[in-house]
Amino acid sequence: GDKENSWSVGVGANGAVLVAGDVIGVAYGQGDIPNLRFFHNGTCIEEATVLRIRGEAYPAVSVCSTAELRWIFDPQHFAH
């Protein structure tokens, strides 16, 4: 993403390569300073943290090759 209107994650925490079975989590904070945080297998990807989100935000996902995606919104099924 352009880091102003869109954000993306291409590597895991500490620059790790993403592999099959990894879990990428996304947390949207609505406090005094709205923020967006990404997690790789439960570890925050600090360099991907976004502060001061303005306006509405909509999720979008893109995968390539043989990548698989599974959305999980039910907290009882969260892995990390």
Protein backbone atom coordinates (compact mmCIF):
# COMPACT_ATOMS: atom_id res chain seq x y z
CA GLY A 1 0.00 0.00 0.00
CA ASP A 2 0.93 3.65 -0.17
CA LYS A 3 0.99 3.90 3.68
CA GLU A 4 -1.51 6.78 3.60
CA ASN A 5 -4.67 5.35 2.07
CA SER A 6 -3.82 1.64 1.95
CA TRP A 7 -1.57 -0.72 3.90
CA SER A 8 -0.14 -4.13 3.15
CA VAL A 9 1.89 -6.92 4.70
CA GLY A 10 4.32 -8.94 2.61
CA VAL A 11 6.63 -10.33 5.28
CA GLY A 12 6.13 -11.58 8.81
CA ALA A 13 7.43 -10.35 12.13
CA ASN A 14 11.13 -9.38 12.07
CA GLY A 15 11.18 -9.79 8.28
CA ALA A 16 10.33 -13.51 8.36
CA VAL A 17 9.18 -15.17 5.16
CA LEU A 18 5.50 -16.13 5.25
CA VAL A 19 4.89 -19.88 4.84
CA ALA A 20 1.88 -22.18 4.64
CA GLY A 21 0.04 -22.35 7.95
CA ASP A 22 1.11 -18.89 9.16
CA VAL A 23 -1.55 -16.73 10.77
CA ILE A 24 -1.77 -13.02 9.90
CA GLY A 25 -3.91 -11.13 12.39
CA VAL A 26 -5.27 -7.62 12.01
CA ALA A 27 -6.40 -5.41 14.90
CA TYR A 28 -8.19 -2.08 14.43
CA GLY A 29 -7.98 0.15 17.51
CA GLN A 30 -10.64 2.83 17.90
CA GLY A 31 -9.12 4.74 20.83
CA ASP A 32 -7.99 8.39 20.94
CA ILE A 33 -5.53 7.62 18.14
CA PRO A 34 -7.18 5.11 15.77
CA ASN A 35 -4.62 2.53 14.68
CA LEU A 36 -4.16 -0.62 12.65
CA ARG A 37 -1.83 -3.41 13.75
CA PHE A 38 -0.77 -6.56 11.92
CA PHE A 39 0.40 -9.74 13.63
CA HIS A 40 2.37 -12.74 12.35
CA ASN A 41 1.62 -15.90 14.35
CA GLY A 42 0.71 -13.72 17.34
CA THR A 43 3.75 -11.40 17.16
CA CYS A 44 3.15 -7.77 16.24
CA ILE A 45 4.75 -6.70 12.94
CA GLU A 46 5.91 -3.34 14.35
CA GLU A 47 7.02 -1.89 11.01
CA ALA A 48 3.51 -2.45 9.62
CA THR A 49 1.70 -0.58 12.44
CA VAL A 50 -0.39 2.34 11.20
CA LEU A 51 -1.29 5.25 13.50
CA ARG A 52 -3.94 7.90 12.98
CA ILE A 53 -6.31 6.14 10.59
CA ARG A 54 -8.68 8.73 9.14
CA GLY A 55 -12.12 8.11 7.67
CA GLU A 56 -13.62 4.74 6.92
CA ALA A 57 -11.51 1.62 6.48
CA TYR A 58 -12.46 -1.45 4.44
CA PRO A 59 -10.62 -4.79 4.40
CA ALA A 60 -9.24 -6.08 1.10
CA VAL A 61 -7.02 -9.09 0.45
CA SER A 62 -4.91 -10.24 -2.46
CA VAL A 63 -3.13 -13.60 -2.69
CA CYS A 64 -1.01 -15.10 -5.44
CA SER A 65 0.29 -18.45 -6.70
CA THR A 66 -0.95 -21.27 -4.49
CA ALA A 67 -1.60 -19.12 -1.43
CA GLU A 68 -4.74 -19.85 0.57
CA LEU A 69 -6.85 -17.49 2.62
CA ARG A 70 -9.30 -18.22 5.40
CA TRP A 71 -11.20 -15.39 7.14
CA ILE A 72 -11.95 -15.96 10.83
CA PHE A 73 -14.16 -13.45 12.65
CA ASP A 74 -15.38 -15.64 15.53
CA PRO A 75 -13.10 -15.09 18.57
CA GLN A 76 -13.50 -18.70 19.71
CA HIS A 77 -11.58 -19.75 16.59
CA PHE A 78 -8.72 -17.23 16.89
CA ALA A 79 -5.34 -18.99 16.84
CA HIS A 80 -3.24 -16.28 18.56
